PDB file of N, CA and C in Angstrom:
ATOM      1  N   MET A   1      -4.094  20.849 -45.785  1.00  0.00           N
ATOM      2  CA  MET A   1      -4.772  21.774 -45.015  1.00  0.00           C
ATOM      3  C   MET A   1      -4.813  21.113 -43.775  1.00  0.00           C
ATOM      4  N   SER A   2      -4.941  22.189 -42.547  1.00  0.00           N
ATOM      5  CA  SER A   2      -5.125  21.726 -41.094  1.00  0.00           C
ATOM      6  C   SER A   2      -6.517  21.844 -40.618  1.00  0.00           C
ATOM      7  N   ASN A   3      -6.821  20.910 -40.139  1.00  0.00           N
ATOM      8  CA  ASN A   3      -8.394  20.882 -39.569  1.00  0.00           C
ATOM      9  C   ASN A   3      -8.223  21.061 -38.143  1.00  0.00           C
ATOM     10  N   PRO A   4      -9.204  22.175 -37.914  1.00  0.00           N
ATOM     11  CA  PRO A   4      -9.377  22.681 -36.654  1.00  0.00           C
ATOM     12  C   PRO A   4      -9.664  21.688 -35.469  1.00  0.00           C
ATOM     13  N   THR A   5     -10.682  20.915 -35.669  1.00  0.00           N
ATOM     14  CA  THR A   5     -11.014  20.048 -34.756  1.00  0.00           C
ATOM     15  C   THR A   5      -9.878  19.042 -34.238  1.00  0.00           C
ATOM     16  N   LEU A   6      -9.371  18.427 -35.106  1.00  0.00           N
ATOM     17  CA  LEU A   6      -8.140  17.631 -34.904  1.00  0.00           C
ATOM     18  C   LEU A   6      -6.943  18.471 -34.077  1.00  0.00           C
ATOM     19  N   ASP A   7      -6.799  19.633 -34.705  1.00  0.00           N
ATOM     20  CA  ASP A   7      -5.950  20.605 -34.149  1.00  0.00           C
ATOM     21  C   ASP A   7      -6.407  20.752 -32.470  1.00  0.00           C
ATOM     22  N   ASN A   8      -7.303  20.796 -32.228  1.00  0.00           N
ATOM     23  CA  ASN A   8      -7.981  21.149 -30.880  1.00  0.00           C
ATOM     24  C   ASN A   8      -7.789  19.683 -30.293  1.00  0.00           C
ATOM     25  N   LEU A   9      -8.111  18.789 -30.701  1.00  0.00           N
ATOM     26  CA  LEU A   9      -7.967  17.705 -29.986  1.00  0.00           C
ATOM     27  C   LEU A   9      -6.403  17.404 -29.714  1.00  0.00           C
ATOM     28  N   LYS A  10      -5.643  17.793 -30.469  1.00  0.00           N
ATOM     29  CA  LYS A  10      -4.329  17.582 -30.663  1.00  0.00           C
ATOM     30  C   LYS A  10      -3.871  18.044 -29.179  1.00  0.00           C
ATOM     31  N   ALA A  11      -4.220  19.462 -29.156  1.00  0.00           N
ATOM     32  CA  ALA A  11      -3.846  20.535 -28.205  1.00  0.00           C
ATOM     33  C   ALA A  11      -4.500  20.265 -26.691  1.00  0.00           C
ATOM     34  N   ALA A  12      -5.809  19.382 -26.664  1.00  0.00           N
ATOM     35  CA  ALA A  12      -6.323  19.037 -25.672  1.00  0.00           C
ATOM     36  C   ALA A  12      -5.516  17.824 -25.062  1.00  0.00           C
ATOM     37  N   VAL A  13      -5.026  16.981 -25.487  1.00  0.00           N
ATOM     38  CA  VAL A  13      -4.403  15.869 -25.263  1.00  0.00           C
ATOM     39  C   VAL A  13      -2.986  16.056 -24.888  1.00  0.00           C
ATOM     40  N   THR A  14      -2.264  17.258 -25.483  1.00  0.00           N
ATOM     41  CA  THR A  14      -0.888  17.727 -24.953  1.00  0.00           C
ATOM     42  C   THR A  14      -1.102  18.145 -23.816  1.00  0.00           C
ATOM     43  N   ALA A  15      -2.197  18.982 -23.372  1.00  0.00           N
ATOM     44  CA  ALA A  15      -2.242  19.671 -21.974  1.00  0.00           C
ATOM     45  C   ALA A  15      -2.681  18.505 -21.029  1.00  0.00           C
ATOM     46  N   ALA A  16      -3.541  17.593 -21.220  1.00  0.00           N
ATOM     47  CA  ALA A  16      -3.887  16.659 -20.496  1.00  0.00           C
ATOM     48  C   ALA A  16      -2.671  15.741 -20.128  1.00  0.00           C
ATOM     49  N   GLN A  17      -1.852  15.366 -20.864  1.00  0.00           N
ATOM     50  CA  GLN A  17      -0.533  14.844 -20.772  1.00  0.00           C
ATOM     51  C   GLN A  17       0.253  15.483 -19.902  1.00  0.00           C
ATOM     52  N   GLY A  18       0.452  16.726 -20.086  1.00  0.00           N
ATOM     53  CA  GLY A  18       1.294  17.708 -19.103  1.00  0.00           C
ATOM     54  C   GLY A  18       0.689  17.632 -17.844  1.00  0.00           C
ATOM     55  N   ALA A  19      -0.382  17.913 -17.794  1.00  0.00           N
ATOM     56  CA  ALA A  19      -1.022  17.884 -16.313  1.00  0.00           C
ATOM     57  C   ALA A  19      -0.672  16.423 -15.424  1.00  0.00           C
ATOM     58  N   MET A  20      -1.113  15.410 -16.360  1.00  0.00           N
ATOM     59  CA  MET A  20      -0.813  14.119 -15.773  1.00  0.00           C
ATOM     60  C   MET A  20       0.759  14.121 -15.261  1.00  0.00           C
ATOM     61  N   GLU A  21       1.492  14.411 -16.171  1.00  0.00           N
ATOM     62  CA  GLU A  21       3.149  14.132 -15.634  1.00  0.00           C
ATOM     63  C   GLU A  21       3.098  15.119 -14.756  1.00  0.00           C
ATOM     64  N   SER A  22       2.789  16.390 -14.676  1.00  0.00           N
ATOM     65  CA  SER A  22       2.731  16.926 -13.367  1.00  0.00           C
ATOM     66  C   SER A  22       2.499  16.472 -12.048  1.00  0.00           C
ATOM     67  N   ALA A  23       1.366  15.890 -12.268  1.00  0.00           N
ATOM     68  CA  ALA A  23       0.605  15.211 -11.010  1.00  0.00           C
ATOM     69  C   ALA A  23       1.438  13.893 -10.771  1.00  0.00           C
ATOM     70  N   THR A  24       2.162  13.406 -11.396  1.00  0.00           N
ATOM     71  CA  THR A  24       2.873  12.134 -10.940  1.00  0.00           C
ATOM     72  C   THR A  24       4.087  12.573 -10.139  1.00  0.00           C
ATOM     73  N   VAL A  25       4.594  13.952 -10.872  1.00  0.00           N
ATOM     74  CA  VAL A  25       5.653  14.481  -9.905  1.00  0.00           C
ATOM     75  C   VAL A  25       5.165  14.810  -8.659  1.00  0.00           C
ATOM     76  N   LEU A  26       3.925  15.500  -8.640  1.00  0.00           N
ATOM     77  CA  LEU A  26       3.661  15.749  -7.216  1.00  0.00           C
ATOM     78  C   LEU A  26       3.265  14.929  -6.233  1.00  0.00           C
ATOM     79  N   ILE A  27       2.821  13.486  -6.693  1.00  0.00           N
ATOM     80  CA  ILE A  27       2.514  12.315  -6.101  1.00  0.00           C
ATOM     81  C   ILE A  27       3.808  11.780  -5.351  1.00  0.00           C
ATOM     82  N   ASN A  28       4.672  11.860  -6.389  1.00  0.00           N
ATOM     83  CA  ASN A  28       6.128  11.293  -6.014  1.00  0.00           C
ATOM     84  C   ASN A  28       6.675  11.923  -5.088  1.00  0.00           C
ATOM     85  N   GLY A  29       6.636  13.346  -5.178  1.00  0.00           N
ATOM     86  CA  GLY A  29       7.112  13.982  -4.130  1.00  0.00           C
ATOM     87  C   GLY A  29       6.514  14.139  -2.747  1.00  0.00           C
ATOM     88  N   PHE A  30       5.167  13.874  -2.869  1.00  0.00           N
ATOM     89  CA  PHE A  30       4.659  13.912  -1.554  1.00  0.00           C
ATOM     90  C   PHE A  30       4.777  12.460  -0.810  1.00  0.00           C
ATOM     91  N   ALA A  31       4.962  11.488  -1.586  1.00  0.00           N
ATOM     92  CA  ALA A  31       5.384  10.119  -1.022  1.00  0.00           C
ATOM     93  C   ALA A  31       6.547  10.074  -0.353  1.00  0.00           C
ATOM     94  N   ALA A  32       7.733  10.829  -0.924  1.00  0.00           N
ATOM     95  CA  ALA A  32       9.128  10.867  -0.667  1.00  0.00           C
ATOM     96  C   ALA A  32       8.977  11.515   0.824  1.00  0.00           C
ATOM     97  N   ARG A  33       8.282  12.926   0.708  1.00  0.00           N
ATOM     98  CA  ARG A  33       8.197  13.533   2.036  1.00  0.00           C
ATOM     99  C   ARG A  33       7.780  12.712   3.091  1.00  0.00           C
ATOM    100  N   ILE A  34       6.682  11.818   2.678  1.00  0.00           N
ATOM    101  CA  ILE A  34       5.985  11.132   4.188  1.00  0.00           C
ATOM    102  C   ILE A  34       7.024   9.969   4.325  1.00  0.00           C
ATOM    103  N   GLN A  35       7.573   9.667   3.430  1.00  0.00           N
ATOM    104  CA  GLN A  35       8.638   8.338   3.447  1.00  0.00           C
ATOM    105  C   GLN A  35       9.563   8.862   4.393  1.00  0.00           C
ATOM    106  N   ALA A  36      10.264   9.987   4.123  1.00  0.00           N
ATOM    107  CA  ALA A  36      11.341  10.829   5.040  1.00  0.00           C
ATOM    108  C   ALA A  36      10.870  10.826   6.372  1.00  0.00           C
ATOM    109  N   ALA A  37       9.586  11.248   6.468  1.00  0.00           N
ATOM    110  CA  ALA A  37       9.104  11.374   7.965  1.00  0.00           C
ATOM    111  C   ALA A  37       9.154   9.780   8.684  1.00  0.00           C
ATOM    112  N   VAL A  38       8.520   8.922   7.877  1.00  0.00           N
ATOM    113  CA  VAL A  38       8.475   7.608   8.534  1.00  0.00           C
ATOM    114  C   VAL A  38       9.909   7.205   8.891  1.00  0.00           C
ATOM    115  N   ASP A  39      11.171   7.322   7.890  1.00  0.00           N
ATOM    116  CA  ASP A  39      12.335   7.215   8.337  1.00  0.00           C
ATOM    117  C   ASP A  39      12.870   7.838   9.615  1.00  0.00           C
ATOM    118  N   ALA A  40      12.496   9.116   9.667  1.00  0.00           N
ATOM    119  CA  ALA A  40      13.104   9.854  10.593  1.00  0.00           C
ATOM    120  C   ALA A  40      12.123   9.184  12.135  1.00  0.00           C
ATOM    121  N   ALA A  41      11.012   8.947  11.803  1.00  0.00           N
ATOM    122  CA  ALA A  41      10.357   8.332  13.143  1.00  0.00           C
ATOM    123  C   ALA A  41      10.840   7.341  13.472  1.00  0.00           C
ATOM    124  N   LEU A  42      11.287   6.302  12.515  1.00  0.00           N
ATOM    125  CA  LEU A  42      11.952   4.828  12.718  1.00  0.00           C
ATOM    126  C   LEU A  42      13.540   5.093  13.762  1.00  0.00           C
ATOM    127  N   ALA A  43      14.006   6.169  13.075  1.00  0.00           N
ATOM    128  CA  ALA A  43      15.362   6.425  13.645  1.00  0.00           C
ATOM    129  C   ALA A  43      15.557   6.854  14.983  1.00  0.00           C
ATOM    130  N   GLY A  44      14.085   7.705  15.139  1.00  0.00           N
ATOM    131  CA  GLY A  44      13.810   8.457  16.603  1.00  0.00           C
ATOM    132  C   GLY A  44      13.274   7.479  17.527  1.00  0.00           C
ATOM    133  N   GLY A  45      12.984   6.125  16.994  1.00  0.00           N
ATOM    134  CA  GLY A  45      12.634   5.090  17.993  1.00  0.00           C
ATOM    135  C   GLY A  45      11.226   4.497  17.586  1.00  0.00           C
ATOM    136  N   ALA A  46      10.752   5.102  16.749  1.00  0.00           N
ATOM    137  CA  ALA A  46       9.418   4.242  16.514  1.00  0.00           C
ATOM    138  C   ALA A  46       9.531   3.265  15.870  1.00  0.00           C
ATOM    139  N   SER A  47       8.505   2.250  16.187  1.00  0.00           N
ATOM    140  CA  SER A  47       8.896   0.953  15.646  1.00  0.00           C
ATOM    141  C   SER A  47       8.076   0.634  14.315  1.00  0.00           C
ATOM    142  N   ALA A  48       8.519  -0.337  13.559  1.00  0.00           N
ATOM    143  CA  ALA A  48       7.850  -0.260  12.225  1.00  0.00           C
ATOM    144  C   ALA A  48       6.301  -0.761  12.320  1.00  0.00           C
ATOM    145  N   ALA A  49       6.009  -1.299  13.340  1.00  0.00           N
ATOM    146  CA  ALA A  49       4.616  -1.851  13.663  1.00  0.00           C
ATOM    147  C   ALA A  49       3.891  -0.641  13.873  1.00  0.00           C
ATOM    148  N   ASP A  50       4.704   0.257  14.685  1.00  0.00           N
ATOM    149  CA  ASP A  50       3.682   1.605  14.799  1.00  0.00           C
ATOM    150  C   ASP A  50       3.352   2.444  13.494  1.00  0.00           C
ATOM    151  N   LEU A  51       4.165   2.153  12.852  1.00  0.00           N
ATOM    152  CA  LEU A  51       4.315   3.000  11.481  1.00  0.00           C
ATOM    153  C   LEU A  51       3.529   2.378  10.291  1.00  0.00           C
ATOM    154  N   ALA A  52       3.579   1.366  10.732  1.00  0.00           N
ATOM    155  CA  ALA A  52       2.574   0.269   9.292  1.00  0.00           C
ATOM    156  C   ALA A  52       1.421   0.862   8.923  1.00  0.00           C
ATOM    157  N   PRO A  53       0.434   1.497   9.636  1.00  0.00           N
ATOM    158  CA  PRO A  53      -0.648   2.301   8.624  1.00  0.00           C
ATOM    159  C   PRO A  53      -0.231   3.359   7.720  1.00  0.00           C
ATOM    160  N   VAL A  54       1.003   4.099   8.245  1.00  0.00           N
ATOM    161  CA  VAL A  54       1.569   5.292   7.355  1.00  0.00           C
ATOM    162  C   VAL A  54       2.256   4.560   6.124  1.00  0.00           C
ATOM    163  N   GLN A  55       2.875   3.572   6.154  1.00  0.00           N
ATOM    164  CA  GLN A  55       3.819   2.830   5.350  1.00  0.00           C
ATOM    165  C   GLN A  55       2.912   1.898   4.309  1.00  0.00           C
ATOM    166  N   THR A  56       1.460   1.803   4.778  1.00  0.00           N
ATOM    167  CA  THR A  56       0.585   1.302   3.768  1.00  0.00           C
ATOM    168  C   THR A  56       0.173   2.162   2.835  1.00  0.00           C
ATOM    169  N   GLU A  57       0.029   3.472   3.581  1.00  0.00           N
ATOM    170  CA  GLU A  57      -0.523   4.435   2.608  1.00  0.00           C
ATOM    171  C   GLU A  57       0.616   5.243   1.741  1.00  0.00           C
ATOM    172  N   ILE A  58       1.729   5.198   1.949  1.00  0.00           N
ATOM    173  CA  ILE A  58       3.063   5.511   1.214  1.00  0.00           C
ATOM    174  C   ILE A  58       2.835   4.283   0.085  1.00  0.00           C
ATOM    175  N   ASP A  59       2.760   3.163   0.377  1.00  0.00           N
ATOM    176  CA  ASP A  59       3.019   2.306  -0.844  1.00  0.00           C
ATOM    177  C   ASP A  59       1.770   2.266  -1.540  1.00  0.00           C
ATOM    178  N   ALA A  60       0.692   2.834  -1.085  1.00  0.00           N
ATOM    179  CA  ALA A  60      -0.356   2.856  -2.089  1.00  0.00           C
ATOM    180  C   ALA A  60      -0.414   4.158  -2.940  1.00  0.00           C
ATOM    181  N   ILE A  61       0.105   5.400  -2.443  1.00  0.00           N
ATOM    182  CA  ILE A  61       0.642   6.608  -3.075  1.00  0.00           C
ATOM    183  C   ILE A  61       1.633   6.382  -4.169  1.00  0.00           C
ATOM    184  N   ASN A  62       2.471   5.578  -3.915  1.00  0.00           N
ATOM    185  CA  ASN A  62       3.635   5.068  -4.925  1.00  0.00           C
ATOM    186  C   ASN A  62       2.995   4.228  -5.897  1.00  0.00           C
ATOM    187  N   ALA A  63       2.212   3.278  -5.695  1.00  0.00           N
ATOM    188  CA  ALA A  63       1.408   2.472  -6.406  1.00  0.00           C
ATOM    189  C   ALA A  63       0.476   3.178  -7.666  1.00  0.00           C
ATOM    190  N   ASP A  64      -0.167   4.364  -7.107  1.00  0.00           N
ATOM    191  CA  ASP A  64      -0.939   5.268  -7.744  1.00  0.00           C
ATOM    192  C   ASP A  64      -0.456   5.973  -8.975  1.00  0.00           C
ATOM    193  N   ALA A  65       1.011   6.527  -8.312  1.00  0.00           N
ATOM    194  CA  ALA A  65       2.046   7.332  -9.081  1.00  0.00           C
ATOM    195  C   ALA A  65       2.472   6.485 -10.119  1.00  0.00           C
ATOM    196  N   THR A  66       2.689   4.957 -10.012  1.00  0.00           N
ATOM    197  CA  THR A  66       3.404   4.115 -11.123  1.00  0.00           C
ATOM    198  C   THR A  66       2.114   3.988 -12.098  1.00  0.00           C
ATOM    199  N   ALA A  67       1.021   3.726 -11.701  1.00  0.00           N
ATOM    200  CA  ALA A  67       0.042   3.467 -12.688  1.00  0.00           C
ATOM    201  C   ALA A  67      -0.440   4.858 -13.506  1.00  0.00           C
ATOM    202  N   LEU A  68      -0.158   5.810 -12.714  1.00  0.00           N
ATOM    203  CA  LEU A  68      -0.602   7.191 -13.473  1.00  0.00           C
ATOM    204  C   LEU A  68       0.768   7.388 -14.649  1.00  0.00           C
ATOM    205  N   ALA A  69       2.039   6.955 -14.077  1.00  0.00           N
ATOM    206  CA  ALA A  69       3.025   7.461 -14.925  1.00  0.00           C
ATOM    207  C   ALA A  69       2.775   6.427 -16.142  1.00  0.00           C
ATOM    208  N   ALA A  70       2.318   5.069 -16.072  1.00  0.00           N
ATOM    209  CA  ALA A  70       2.400   4.248 -16.740  1.00  0.00           C
ATOM    210  C   ALA A  70       1.029   4.372 -17.840  1.00  0.00           C
ATOM    211  N   ALA A  71       0.063   5.069 -17.402  1.00  0.00           N
ATOM    212  CA  ALA A  71      -0.966   5.500 -18.415  1.00  0.00           C
ATOM    213  C   ALA A  71      -0.571   6.603 -18.975  1.00  0.00           C
ATOM    214  N   VAL A  72       0.335   7.685 -18.579  1.00  0.00           N
ATOM    215  CA  VAL A  72       0.699   8.639 -19.501  1.00  0.00           C
ATOM    216  C   VAL A  72       1.602   7.995 -20.574  1.00  0.00           C
ATOM    217  N   ALA A  73       2.645   7.084 -20.020  1.00  0.00           N
ATOM    218  CA  ALA A  73       3.473   6.668 -21.005  1.00  0.00           C
ATOM    219  C   ALA A  73       2.661   5.905 -22.262  1.00  0.00           C
ATOM    220  N   ALA A  74       1.963   5.163 -22.112  1.00  0.00           N
ATOM    221  CA  ALA A  74       0.943   4.264 -22.920  1.00  0.00           C
ATOM    222  C   ALA A  74       0.177   5.153 -23.716  1.00  0.00           C
ATOM    223  N   ASN A  75      -0.458   6.339 -23.411  1.00  0.00           N
ATOM    224  CA  ASN A  75      -1.169   7.290 -24.093  1.00  0.00           C
ATOM    225  C   ASN A  75      -0.388   8.290 -24.908  1.00  0.00           C
ATOM    226  N   ASN A  76       0.837   8.303 -24.608  1.00  0.00           N
ATOM    227  CA  ASN A  76       1.875   9.411 -25.289  1.00  0.00           C
ATOM    228  C   ASN A  76       2.030   9.124 -26.751  1.00  0.00           C
ATOM    229  N   PRO A  77       1.422   9.755 -27.769  1.00  0.00           N
ATOM    230  CA  PRO A  77       1.431   9.628 -28.953  1.00  0.00           C
ATOM    231  C   PRO A  77       3.145   9.622 -29.544  1.00  0.00           C
ATOM    232  N   SER A  78       4.027  10.483 -28.757  1.00  0.00           N
ATOM    233  CA  SER A  78       5.046  10.535 -29.242  1.00  0.00           C
ATOM    234  C   SER A  78       6.229   9.372 -28.792  1.00  0.00           C
ATOM    235  N   SER A  79       5.675   8.388 -28.023  1.00  0.00           N
ATOM    236  CA  SER A  79       6.205   7.632 -27.413  1.00  0.00           C
ATOM    237  C   SER A  79       6.424   6.358 -28.121  1.00  0.00           C
TER     238      SER A  79
END
């Protein structure tokens, strides 16, 4: 016999995981676009020192995305 409370909890967990996975994709895409802009600026003559603050932010975004992806994986009941 199905338990409505457990069914609701399972549905909520599934929805949260989908949202977290979507957020990871969004964050990674955002970081990739910024990285492409940095690469274009470097190719256009900007120095790495000029862009160091931006690169620091890209690195932080990528670290956050990695942490979020690891949290999703660690809390995925199907893995």
